[in-house]
Amino acid sequence: MTGPRGLRGDDRGVSVALSHVLTMGITAVLIAGLLMGASAMLDGQSERGAERSLETIGERVASEVASVDRLAREDPRPGTVELRVDHPDEVSGRTYSVGLSESDCGTLIQSACVVLSAPGARTTVQVPLAIDTSIASESAQGGEMRIIYDGNEIRLESGYG
């Protein structure tokens, strides 16, 4: 019943198997594309979340440094002012550092800048700071830190030491 050509020329059952293979291949490519797109979107969201967290922490640190500056200027006796502050240890699951810089942060009216950097998140944030006291260009790790005016300049130190 197969005729003179035999089974070699019979291709009636190939279309079902071929359609299954093509369907599986197309599905695999679509799922891989969706996973890669979702991964890229999550990475972007993580970086934006880290940047927003650093901006919030930077605003708080700038306010705290301004308070130390104000206290140092209002006290008629030269001395030491120390403010112990506590901020999150990590942003987006990564450690960060906080520093003070004499740069203008891209503004014309500010004299200094709080610089927050999270290398793991590839994010750096600068917050303008208006103070009259000179600052030390040292940095501290996020978390517990001290803002110290030693009679000459304001500096940051990690921990409560």
C-alpha atoms as a PDB file:
ATOM      1  CA  MET A   1       0.000   0.000   0.000  1.00  0.00           C
ATOM      2  CA  THR A   2       2.924   2.293   0.216  1.00  0.00           C
ATOM      3  CA  GLY A   3       3.298   2.250  -3.493  1.00  0.00           C
ATOM      4  CA  PRO A   4       6.408   1.864  -5.536  1.00  0.00           C
ATOM      5  CA  ARG A   5       8.212   4.735  -3.861  1.00  0.00           C
ATOM      6  CA  GLY A   6       8.052   3.244  -0.358  1.00  0.00           C
ATOM      7  CA  LEU A   7       8.014   5.261   2.849  1.00  0.00           C
ATOM      8  CA  ARG A   8      10.763   7.649   1.800  1.00  0.00           C
ATOM      9  CA  GLY A   9       8.497   9.818  -0.273  1.00  0.00           C
ATOM     10  CA  ASP A  10       5.699   9.920   2.298  1.00  0.00           C
ATOM     11  CA  ASP A  11       5.810  13.249   4.172  1.00  0.00           C
ATOM     12  CA  ARG A  12       2.247  13.425   5.460  1.00  0.00           C
ATOM     13  CA  GLY A  13       3.154  13.189   9.205  1.00  0.00           C
ATOM     14  CA  VAL A  14       6.017  15.720   9.111  1.00  0.00           C
ATOM     15  CA  SER A  15       3.858  18.834   9.393  1.00  0.00           C
ATOM     16  CA  VAL A  16       2.618  17.987  12.930  1.00  0.00           C
ATOM     17  CA  ALA A  17       6.122  17.320  14.312  1.00  0.00           C
ATOM     18  CA  LEU A  18       7.570  20.349  12.526  1.00  0.00           C
ATOM     19  CA  SER A  19       4.852  22.659  13.854  1.00  0.00           C
ATOM     20  CA  HIS A  20       5.537  21.446  17.423  1.00  0.00           C
ATOM     21  CA  VAL A  21       9.285  22.097  17.062  1.00  0.00           C
ATOM     22  CA  LEU A  22       8.698  25.561  15.589  1.00  0.00           C
ATOM     23  CA  THR A  23       6.166  26.423  18.304  1.00  0.00           C
ATOM     24  CA  MET A  24       8.592  25.375  21.055  1.00  0.00           C
ATOM     25  CA  GLY A  25      11.450  27.336  19.465  1.00  0.00           C
ATOM     26  CA  ILE A  26       9.410  30.513  19.065  1.00  0.00           C
ATOM     27  CA  THR A  27       8.110  30.199  22.640  1.00  0.00           C
ATOM     28  CA  ALA A  28      11.646  29.767  24.004  1.00  0.00           C
ATOM     29  CA  VAL A  29      12.871  32.861  22.132  1.00  0.00           C
ATOM     30  CA  LEU A  30       9.927  34.953  23.377  1.00  0.00           C
ATOM     31  CA  ILE A  31      10.402  33.865  26.998  1.00  0.00           C
ATOM     32  CA  ALA A  32      14.153  34.593  26.829  1.00  0.00           C
ATOM     33  CA  GLY A  33      13.413  38.071  25.428  1.00  0.00           C
ATOM     34  CA  LEU A  34      10.893  38.799  28.162  1.00  0.00           C
ATOM     35  CA  LEU A  35      13.312  37.687  30.889  1.00  0.00           C
ATOM     36  CA  MET A  36      16.134  39.831  29.510  1.00  0.00           C
ATOM     37  CA  GLY A  37      13.837  42.854  29.254  1.00  0.00           C
ATOM     38  CA  ALA A  38      12.553  42.391  32.793  1.00  0.00           C
ATOM     39  CA  SER A  39      16.112  42.029  34.097  1.00  0.00           C
ATOM     40  CA  ALA A  40      17.203  45.279  32.452  1.00  0.00           C
ATOM     41  CA  MET A  41      14.134  47.058  33.824  1.00  0.00           C
ATOM     42  CA  LEU A  42      14.844  45.814  37.367  1.00  0.00           C
ATOM     43  CA  ASP A  43      18.476  46.944  37.150  1.00  0.00           C
ATOM     44  CA  GLY A  44      17.338  50.411  36.110  1.00  0.00           C
ATOM     45  CA  GLN A  45      14.802  50.546  38.934  1.00  0.00           C
ATOM     46  CA  SER A  46      17.462  49.480  41.434  1.00  0.00           C
ATOM     47  CA  GLU A  47      19.806  52.264  40.314  1.00  0.00           C
ATOM     48  CA  ARG A  48      17.032  54.865  40.466  1.00  0.00           C
ATOM     49  CA  GLY A  49      16.046  53.628  43.929  1.00  0.00           C
ATOM     50  CA  ALA A  50      19.644  53.897  45.121  1.00  0.00           C
ATOM     51  CA  GLU A  51      19.914  57.409  43.702  1.00  0.00           C
ATOM     52  CA  ARG A  52      16.712  58.557  45.414  1.00  0.00           C
ATOM     53  CA  SER A  53      17.814  57.039  48.726  1.00  0.00           C
ATOM     54  CA  LEU A  54      21.201  58.763  48.454  1.00  0.00           C
ATOM     55  CA  GLU A  55      19.501  62.087  47.682  1.00  0.00           C
ATOM     56  CA  THR A  56      17.340  61.753  50.804  1.00  0.00           C
ATOM     57  CA  ILE A  57      20.306  60.833  52.989  1.00  0.00           C
ATOM     58  CA  GLY A  58      22.350  63.651  51.418  1.00  0.00           C
ATOM     59  CA  GLU A  59      19.685  66.212  52.268  1.00  0.00           C
ATOM     60  CA  ARG A  60      19.673  65.006  55.877  1.00  0.00           C
ATOM     61  CA  VAL A  61      23.483  65.118  56.116  1.00  0.00           C
ATOM     62  CA  ALA A  62      23.547  68.610  54.579  1.00  0.00           C
ATOM     63  CA  SER A  63      21.031  69.769  57.179  1.00  0.00           C
ATOM     64  CA  GLU A  64      23.069  68.197  59.976  1.00  0.00           C
ATOM     65  CA  VAL A  65      26.332  69.762  58.749  1.00  0.00           C
ATOM     66  CA  ALA A  66      24.587  73.138  58.539  1.00  0.00           C
ATOM     67  CA  SER A  67      23.443  72.683  62.145  1.00  0.00           C
ATOM     68  CA  VAL A  68      27.008  71.987  63.277  1.00  0.00           C
ATOM     69  CA  ASP A  69      28.191  75.044  61.316  1.00  0.00           C
ATOM     70  CA  ARG A  70      25.534  77.225  62.956  1.00  0.00           C
ATOM     71  CA  LEU A  71      26.401  75.929  66.450  1.00  0.00           C
ATOM     72  CA  ALA A  72      30.114  76.500  65.833  1.00  0.00           C
ATOM     73  CA  ARG A  73      29.514  80.106  64.715  1.00  0.00           C
ATOM     74  CA  GLU A  74      27.061  80.954  67.524  1.00  0.00           C
ATOM     75  CA  ASP A  75      29.316  79.769  70.350  1.00  0.00           C
ATOM     76  CA  PRO A  76      31.559  82.692  71.362  1.00  0.00           C
ATOM     77  CA  ARG A  77      34.194  80.329  72.791  1.00  0.00           C
ATOM     78  CA  PRO A  78      36.215  78.383  70.262  1.00  0.00           C
ATOM     79  CA  GLY A  79      35.786  74.714  70.925  1.00  0.00           C
ATOM     80  CA  THR A  80      34.548  71.434  69.603  1.00  0.00           C
ATOM     81  CA  VAL A  81      31.046  70.653  68.387  1.00  0.00           C
ATOM     82  CA  GLU A  82      30.147  67.022  67.748  1.00  0.00           C
ATOM     83  CA  LEU A  83      26.891  65.693  66.345  1.00  0.00           C
ATOM     84  CA  ARG A  84      26.261  61.949  66.301  1.00  0.00           C
ATOM     85  CA  VAL A  85      23.914  60.862  63.533  1.00  0.00           C
ATOM     86  CA  ASP A  86      22.575  57.552  62.323  1.00  0.00           C
ATOM     87  CA  HIS A  87      21.670  56.842  58.712  1.00  0.00           C
ATOM     88  CA  PRO A  88      20.973  53.567  56.893  1.00  0.00           C
ATOM     89  CA  ASP A  89      24.035  51.314  56.534  1.00  0.00           C
ATOM     90  CA  GLU A  90      23.166  50.420  52.932  1.00  0.00           C
ATOM     91  CA  VAL A  91      21.141  51.664  49.986  1.00  0.00           C
ATOM     92  CA  SER A  92      19.691  49.089  47.596  1.00  0.00           C
ATOM     93  CA  GLY A  93      21.706  46.401  49.355  1.00  0.00           C
ATOM     94  CA  ARG A  94      25.058  48.162  48.845  1.00  0.00           C
ATOM     95  CA  THR A  95      27.302  50.179  51.138  1.00  0.00           C
ATOM     96  CA  TYR A  96      27.903  53.847  50.425  1.00  0.00           C
ATOM     97  CA  SER A  97      30.210  56.637  51.519  1.00  0.00           C
ATOM     98  CA  VAL A  98      29.500  60.231  52.506  1.00  0.00           C
ATOM     99  CA  GLY A  99      32.025  63.008  51.987  1.00  0.00           C
ATOM    100  CA  LEU A 100      32.329  66.768  52.037  1.00  0.00           C
ATOM    101  CA  SER A 101      33.784  68.681  49.116  1.00  0.00           C
ATOM    102  CA  GLU A 102      34.736  72.309  48.487  1.00  0.00           C
ATOM    103  CA  SER A 103      33.346  72.081  44.946  1.00  0.00           C
ATOM    104  CA  ASP A 104      30.273  74.096  44.010  1.00  0.00           C
ATOM    105  CA  CYS A 105      28.108  71.094  42.950  1.00  0.00           C
ATOM    106  CA  GLY A 106      27.282  72.816  39.695  1.00  0.00           C
ATOM    107  CA  THR A 107      25.533  75.763  41.348  1.00  0.00           C
ATOM    108  CA  LEU A 108      26.820  79.304  41.483  1.00  0.00           C
ATOM    109  CA  ILE A 109      25.700  80.248  44.989  1.00  0.00           C
ATOM    110  CA  GLN A 110      26.740  77.276  47.128  1.00  0.00           C
ATOM    111  CA  SER A 111      30.134  77.055  48.757  1.00  0.00           C
ATOM    112  CA  ALA A 112      30.392  73.320  49.413  1.00  0.00           C
ATOM    113  CA  CYS A 113      28.831  70.004  48.665  1.00  0.00           C
ATOM    114  CA  VAL A 114      27.892  66.719  50.335  1.00  0.00           C
ATOM    115  CA  VAL A 115      28.961  63.870  48.047  1.00  0.00           C
ATOM    116  CA  LEU A 116      27.384  60.435  48.438  1.00  0.00           C
ATOM    117  CA  SER A 117      28.712  57.529  46.446  1.00  0.00           C
ATOM    118  CA  ALA A 118      27.530  53.927  46.143  1.00  0.00           C
ATOM    119  CA  PRO A 119      30.103  52.214  43.901  1.00  0.00           C
ATOM    120  CA  GLY A 120      28.163  48.940  43.729  1.00  0.00           C
ATOM    121  CA  ALA A 121      25.140  50.769  42.361  1.00  0.00           C
ATOM    122  CA  ARG A 122      27.296  52.991  40.094  1.00  0.00           C
ATOM    123  CA  THR A 123      25.618  56.041  41.622  1.00  0.00           C
ATOM    124  CA  THR A 124      27.028  59.338  42.898  1.00  0.00           C
ATOM    125  CA  VAL A 125      24.887  62.163  44.272  1.00  0.00           C
ATOM    126  CA  GLN A 126      25.938  65.724  45.139  1.00  0.00           C
ATOM    127  CA  VAL A 127      23.865  67.894  47.475  1.00  0.00           C
ATOM    128  CA  PRO A 128      24.643  71.634  47.718  1.00  0.00           C
ATOM    129  CA  LEU A 129      25.668  72.892  51.143  1.00  0.00           C
ATOM    130  CA  ALA A 130      25.694  76.535  52.286  1.00  0.00           C
ATOM    131  CA  ILE A 131      28.072  76.916  55.243  1.00  0.00           C
ATOM    132  CA  ASP A 132      30.659  79.482  56.327  1.00  0.00           C
ATOM    133  CA  THR A 133      33.094  77.091  58.016  1.00  0.00           C
ATOM    134  CA  SER A 134      35.850  75.320  56.108  1.00  0.00           C
ATOM    135  CA  ILE A 135      35.510  71.579  55.649  1.00  0.00           C
ATOM    136  CA  ALA A 136      37.876  68.621  55.568  1.00  0.00           C
ATOM    137  CA  SER A 137      37.691  66.568  52.404  1.00  0.00           C
ATOM    138  CA  GLU A 138      37.421  63.258  54.234  1.00  0.00           C
ATOM    139  CA  SER A 139      34.656  60.714  53.862  1.00  0.00           C
ATOM    140  CA  ALA A 140      32.815  58.323  56.143  1.00  0.00           C
ATOM    141  CA  GLN A 141      30.905  55.112  55.556  1.00  0.00           C
ATOM    142  CA  GLY A 142      27.132  55.252  55.672  1.00  0.00           C
ATOM    143  CA  GLY A 143      25.441  54.336  58.928  1.00  0.00           C
ATOM    144  CA  GLU A 144      26.578  55.715  62.266  1.00  0.00           C
ATOM    145  CA  MET A 145      28.806  58.750  61.885  1.00  0.00           C
ATOM    146  CA  ARG A 146      29.947  61.869  63.651  1.00  0.00           C
ATOM    147  CA  ILE A 147      29.982  65.390  62.265  1.00  0.00           C
ATOM    148  CA  ILE A 148      32.741  67.225  64.122  1.00  0.00           C
ATOM    149  CA  TYR A 149      33.821  70.851  64.257  1.00  0.00           C
ATOM    150  CA  ASP A 150      37.256  70.946  65.908  1.00  0.00           C
ATOM    151  CA  GLY A 151      37.752  74.712  66.060  1.00  0.00           C
ATOM    152  CA  ASN A 152      39.081  74.944  62.489  1.00  0.00           C
ATOM    153  CA  GLU A 153      36.980  72.841  60.148  1.00  0.00           C
ATOM    154  CA  ILE A 154      34.052  70.453  59.900  1.00  0.00           C
ATOM    155  CA  ARG A 155      34.798  66.795  59.179  1.00  0.00           C
ATOM    156  CA  LEU A 156      32.975  63.466  59.052  1.00  0.00           C
ATOM    157  CA  GLU A 157      34.031  60.310  60.881  1.00  0.00           C
ATOM    158  CA  SER A 158      32.552  56.824  60.700  1.00  0.00           C
ATOM    159  CA  GLY A 159      31.004  55.333  63.834  1.00  0.00           C
ATOM    160  CA  TYR A 160      30.524  56.882  67.219  1.00  0.00           C
ATOM    161  CA  GLY A 161      34.171  56.251  68.157  1.00  0.00           C
END
